[in-house]
């Protein structure tokens, strides 16, 4: 009998024997008859079908759709190919977006924060904030963006304006330094009072405290964000004192 073995057919078409058998199992290519020696022999028509299936599969057509596609008339075939092209375009766009995310990851902050936030972090470094303080701010902002995405852009605007105030910058630096103090250090209460008074005297800067209040589960989300950068006992105590003073002045700060 004329024809080639399954191994030869697979080699000619550019696939594996396992793939050819998979095509048979799915009904994409009929299994040829066995010859007198018990071997299946693949003729020109079988090889053509294998090439067609392999080509469509390589082009991204799902195997489940290849059979009906090959059996369709010219118009349906063209329409089906156009739909496959659309799907491939969407996949390409998704892959490009993933690649861009990888590039942003390689660039550090830019994968998780908008360019405005990255620029502000660089500005903080230029203002004399330590690398640890900038890193803590970065992590806090990543969390804030995830928990309160609808208010994050406005929050960055408030930060941009506040960083222009040398008094604000000095107080924030002092607050970062205070995180290493003992929680009962009397300077903590003094600093908390100074910071609360500054916020009350500068309502626009007060929004750097109140600007990240979510629309739902406000207290829980606010607490997660506000306490992220105040994880030391001294930092937590100072944050509590500032919030207490602001609440007593009528500033709406959620209670947990």
Protein backbone atom coordinates (compact mmCIF):
# COMPACT_ATOMS: atom_id res chain seq x y z
CA UNK A 1 0.00 0.00 0.00
CA UNK A 2 1.23 3.50 -0.86
CA UNK A 3 1.75 6.10 1.84
CA UNK A 4 3.98 6.80 4.80
CA UNK A 5 4.01 5.71 8.43
CA UNK A 6 2.73 7.88 11.26
CA UNK A 7 6.31 8.70 12.21
CA UNK A 8 7.11 9.86 8.70
CA UNK A 9 3.86 11.78 8.42
CA UNK A 10 4.56 13.59 11.68
CA UNK A 11 8.09 14.45 10.55
CA UNK A 12 6.92 15.69 7.15
CA UNK A 13 4.22 17.90 8.69
CA UNK A 14 6.41 19.19 11.52
CA UNK A 15 4.62 17.78 14.56
CA UNK A 16 5.15 14.86 16.92
CA UNK A 17 3.61 11.43 16.65
CA UNK A 18 1.81 12.19 19.90
CA UNK A 19 0.27 15.27 18.29
CA UNK A 20 -0.93 13.29 15.28
CA UNK A 21 -2.59 10.78 17.59
CA UNK A 22 -4.17 13.64 19.51
CA UNK A 23 -5.61 14.98 16.25
CA UNK A 24 -7.04 11.53 15.59
CA UNK A 25 -8.56 11.39 19.07
CA UNK A 26 -10.25 14.77 18.55
CA UNK A 27 -11.58 13.71 15.17
CA UNK A 28 -9.65 16.39 13.31
CA UNK A 29 -7.89 13.88 11.10
CA UNK A 30 -9.31 10.45 10.28
CA UNK A 31 -7.08 7.51 11.00
CA UNK A 32 -6.07 5.80 7.73
CA UNK A 33 -6.56 2.11 7.18
CA UNK A 34 -3.83 -0.33 8.20
CA UNK A 35 -1.85 -2.12 5.54
CA UNK A 36 -1.21 -5.87 5.43
CA UNK A 37 1.62 -5.43 7.91
CA UNK A 38 -0.66 -3.74 10.41
CA UNK A 39 0.74 -0.23 9.92
CA UNK A 40 -1.38 2.81 9.15
CA UNK A 41 -0.31 4.51 5.96
CA UNK A 42 -0.84 8.21 5.39
CA UNK A 43 -1.54 9.28 1.84
CA UNK A 44 -1.45 12.76 0.26
CA UNK A 45 -4.97 13.65 1.43
CA UNK A 46 -4.12 12.68 5.01
CA UNK A 47 -0.94 14.73 4.91
CA UNK A 48 -2.83 17.72 3.51
CA UNK A 49 -5.36 17.49 6.34
CA UNK A 50 -2.55 17.26 8.88
CA UNK A 51 -0.89 20.34 7.40
CA UNK A 52 -4.16 22.28 7.50
CA UNK A 53 -4.83 21.35 11.12
CA UNK A 54 -1.24 22.08 12.16
CA UNK A 55 -1.29 25.46 10.39
CA UNK A 56 -4.57 26.58 11.96
CA UNK A 57 -3.48 25.39 15.41
CA UNK A 58 -0.19 27.28 15.05
CA UNK A 59 -2.16 30.39 14.06
CA UNK A 60 -4.01 30.25 17.34
CA UNK A 61 -7.26 28.61 16.32
CA UNK A 62 -8.57 26.46 19.21
CA UNK A 63 -8.48 22.78 18.32
CA UNK A 64 -12.20 22.46 19.07
CA UNK A 65 -12.94 24.97 16.29
CA UNK A 66 -10.62 23.58 13.62
CA UNK A 67 -12.85 20.71 12.46
CA UNK A 68 -15.93 22.84 11.72
CA UNK A 69 -13.66 25.49 10.20
CA UNK A 70 -12.10 23.11 7.70
CA UNK A 71 -15.51 21.70 6.81
CA UNK A 72 -17.10 25.15 6.29
CA UNK A 73 -17.69 26.84 2.96
CA UNK A 74 -15.46 29.69 1.79
CA UNK A 75 -17.60 32.47 3.30
CA UNK A 76 -17.86 30.84 6.73
CA UNK A 77 -14.17 29.99 6.62
CA UNK A 78 -13.26 33.64 5.97
CA UNK A 79 -15.60 34.87 8.71
CA UNK A 80 -14.18 32.34 11.18
CA UNK A 81 -10.63 33.38 10.36
CA UNK A 82 -11.57 37.02 10.90
CA UNK A 83 -12.94 36.13 14.33
CA UNK A 84 -9.76 34.22 15.16
CA UNK A 85 -7.71 37.23 14.06
CA UNK A 86 -9.75 39.44 16.39
CA UNK A 87 -9.14 37.08 19.28
CA UNK A 88 -5.42 36.94 18.52
CA UNK A 89 -5.27 40.73 18.40
CA UNK A 90 -6.83 40.88 21.86
CA UNK A 91 -4.33 38.34 23.14
CA UNK A 92 -1.45 40.27 21.60
CA UNK A 93 -2.65 43.47 23.27
CA UNK A 94 -2.89 41.63 26.60
CA UNK A 95 0.63 40.25 26.19
CA UNK A 96 1.96 43.70 25.32
CA UNK A 97 0.30 45.07 28.47
CA UNK A 98 1.91 42.29 30.52
CA UNK A 99 5.29 43.05 28.98
CA UNK A 100 4.91 46.71 29.85
CA UNK A 101 4.06 45.72 33.42
CA UNK A 102 7.26 43.66 33.56
CA UNK A 103 9.20 46.67 32.31
CA UNK A 104 7.61 48.79 35.02
CA UNK A 105 8.48 46.14 37.62
CA UNK A 106 12.08 46.31 36.48
CA UNK A 107 11.85 50.06 37.05
CA UNK A 108 10.82 49.53 40.67
CA UNK A 109 7.88 51.60 41.88
CA UNK A 110 6.25 52.20 38.51
CA UNK A 111 4.49 48.83 38.39
CA UNK A 112 2.39 49.57 41.48
CA UNK A 113 2.24 53.36 41.58
CA UNK A 114 1.40 56.05 39.01
CA UNK A 115 4.14 58.27 37.68
CA UNK A 116 2.96 61.16 39.87
CA UNK A 117 3.54 59.11 43.01
CA UNK A 118 6.98 58.00 41.83
CA UNK A 119 7.91 61.63 41.15
CA UNK A 120 6.78 62.59 44.66
CA UNK A 121 8.88 59.84 46.20
CA UNK A 122 11.89 61.16 44.30
CA UNK A 123 11.02 64.65 45.49
CA UNK A 124 10.89 63.45 49.10
CA UNK A 125 14.38 62.01 48.73
CA UNK A 126 15.53 65.36 47.41
CA UNK A 127 14.00 67.08 50.43
CA UNK A 128 16.16 65.05 52.77
CA UNK A 129 13.89 62.18 53.76
CA UNK A 130 15.91 59.06 54.46
CA UNK A 131 15.80 56.01 52.22
CA UNK A 132 13.89 54.11 54.93
CA UNK A 133 11.31 56.91 55.21
CA UNK A 134 10.82 57.01 51.45
CA UNK A 135 10.52 53.21 51.34
CA UNK A 136 7.89 53.23 54.11
CA UNK A 137 5.97 55.96 52.29
CA UNK A 138 6.13 53.95 49.07
CA UNK A 139 4.65 50.88 50.72
CA UNK A 140 1.96 52.94 52.42
CA UNK A 141 0.96 54.52 49.12
CA UNK A 142 0.76 51.14 47.38
CA UNK A 143 -1.64 50.02 50.10
CA UNK A 144 -3.60 53.28 49.95
CA UNK A 145 -3.98 53.08 46.18
CA UNK A 146 -5.34 49.55 46.49
CA UNK A 147 -7.75 50.30 49.35
CA UNK A 148 -8.96 53.75 48.27
CA UNK A 149 -8.33 54.00 44.50
CA UNK A 150 -11.05 56.60 43.99
CA UNK A 151 -9.35 59.11 46.27
CA UNK A 152 -5.70 58.39 45.61
CA UNK A 153 -5.15 60.91 42.82
CA UNK A 154 -6.60 63.76 44.89
CA UNK A 155 -4.50 62.60 47.83
CA UNK A 156 -1.35 62.94 45.71
CA UNK A 157 -2.39 66.49 44.84
CA UNK A 158 -2.64 67.32 48.55
CA UNK A 159 0.81 65.82 49.14
CA UNK A 160 2.29 67.82 46.24
CA UNK A 161 1.04 71.08 47.77
CA UNK A 162 2.00 70.13 51.33
CA UNK A 163 5.60 69.35 50.38
CA UNK A 164 5.99 72.99 49.37
CA UNK A 165 5.59 73.97 53.04
CA UNK A 166 8.92 73.75 54.86
CA UNK A 167 7.15 73.60 58.24
CA UNK A 168 5.09 70.60 57.12
CA UNK A 169 8.20 68.85 55.80
CA UNK A 170 10.06 69.48 59.06
CA UNK A 171 7.19 68.10 61.15
CA UNK A 172 6.84 64.97 59.01
CA UNK A 173 10.57 64.32 59.24
CA UNK A 174 10.39 64.78 63.00
CA UNK A 175 7.47 62.37 63.15
CA UNK A 176 9.45 59.74 61.26
CA UNK A 177 12.32 60.22 63.69
CA UNK A 178 9.94 59.86 66.64
CA UNK A 179 9.03 56.34 65.57
CA UNK A 180 12.24 55.13 67.20
CA UNK A 181 11.54 56.83 70.55
CA UNK A 182 10.14 55.12 73.59
CA UNK A 183 6.31 55.25 73.55
CA UNK A 184 6.20 57.14 76.87
CA UNK A 185 8.69 59.79 75.73
CA UNK A 186 7.14 63.18 76.63
CA UNK A 187 8.33 64.58 73.32
CA UNK A 188 5.75 62.42 71.52
CA UNK A 189 2.83 64.33 73.06
CA UNK A 190 4.53 67.64 72.30
CA UNK A 191 5.13 66.67 68.69
CA UNK A 192 1.58 65.32 68.29
CA UNK A 193 0.20 68.64 69.53
CA UNK A 194 2.44 70.59 67.16
CA UNK A 195 1.40 68.46 64.20
CA UNK A 196 -2.31 68.62 65.04
CA UNK A 197 -2.13 72.40 65.47
CA UNK A 198 -0.35 72.72 62.13
CA UNK A 199 -3.00 70.66 60.37
CA UNK A 200 -5.80 72.71 61.93
CA UNK A 201 -4.11 75.94 60.88
CA UNK A 202 -3.66 74.64 57.34
CA UNK A 203 -6.92 72.95 56.23
CA UNK A 204 -5.48 72.06 52.82
CA UNK A 205 -2.72 70.05 54.48
CA UNK A 206 -5.24 68.44 56.80
CA UNK A 207 -6.43 66.56 53.73
CA UNK A 208 -3.18 64.58 53.79
CA UNK A 209 -4.70 62.99 56.90
CA UNK A 210 -8.38 62.85 55.98
CA UNK A 211 -8.08 62.45 52.20
CA UNK A 212 -7.91 58.65 52.20
CA UNK A 213 -11.33 57.84 53.60
CA UNK A 214 -13.10 55.19 51.55
CA UNK A 215 -16.78 55.22 50.68
CA UNK A 216 -17.33 51.76 52.15
CA UNK A 217 -15.83 50.22 55.29
CA UNK A 218 -14.28 53.64 55.85
CA UNK A 219 -13.03 53.02 59.39
CA UNK A 220 -11.39 49.69 58.57
CA UNK A 221 -9.65 50.94 55.46
CA UNK A 222 -8.57 54.18 57.09
CA UNK A 223 -7.11 52.27 60.03
CA UNK A 224 -5.17 49.91 57.78
CA UNK A 225 -3.62 52.80 55.89
CA UNK A 226 -2.98 55.15 58.81
CA UNK A 227 -1.38 52.47 60.95
CA UNK A 228 0.79 51.05 58.20
CA UNK A 229 3.36 53.82 58.56
CA UNK A 230 3.02 53.90 62.35
CA UNK A 231 3.76 50.31 63.29
CA UNK A 232 6.17 51.09 66.13
CA UNK A 233 4.65 51.67 69.60
CA UNK A 234 5.83 55.29 69.55
CA UNK A 235 4.47 55.87 66.05
CA UNK A 236 1.10 54.33 66.94
CA UNK A 237 0.83 56.44 70.09
CA UNK A 238 1.65 59.63 68.22
CA UNK A 239 -0.93 58.83 65.53
CA UNK A 240 -3.56 58.19 68.23
CA UNK A 241 -2.76 61.50 69.93
CA UNK A 242 -2.96 63.45 66.66
CA UNK A 243 -6.27 61.83 65.72
CA UNK A 244 -7.72 62.50 69.19
CA UNK A 245 -6.77 66.17 69.00
CA UNK A 246 -8.19 66.50 65.50
CA UNK A 247 -11.45 64.79 66.46
CA UNK A 248 -11.80 67.10 69.47
CA UNK A 249 -11.54 70.00 67.02
CA UNK A 250 -14.40 68.55 64.95
CA UNK A 251 -12.34 66.89 62.20
CA UNK A 252 -14.18 63.75 60.94
CA UNK A 253 -11.76 60.86 61.40
CA UNK A 254 -13.22 57.34 61.47
CA UNK A 255 -13.18 55.31 64.69
CA UNK A 256 -12.48 51.58 64.38
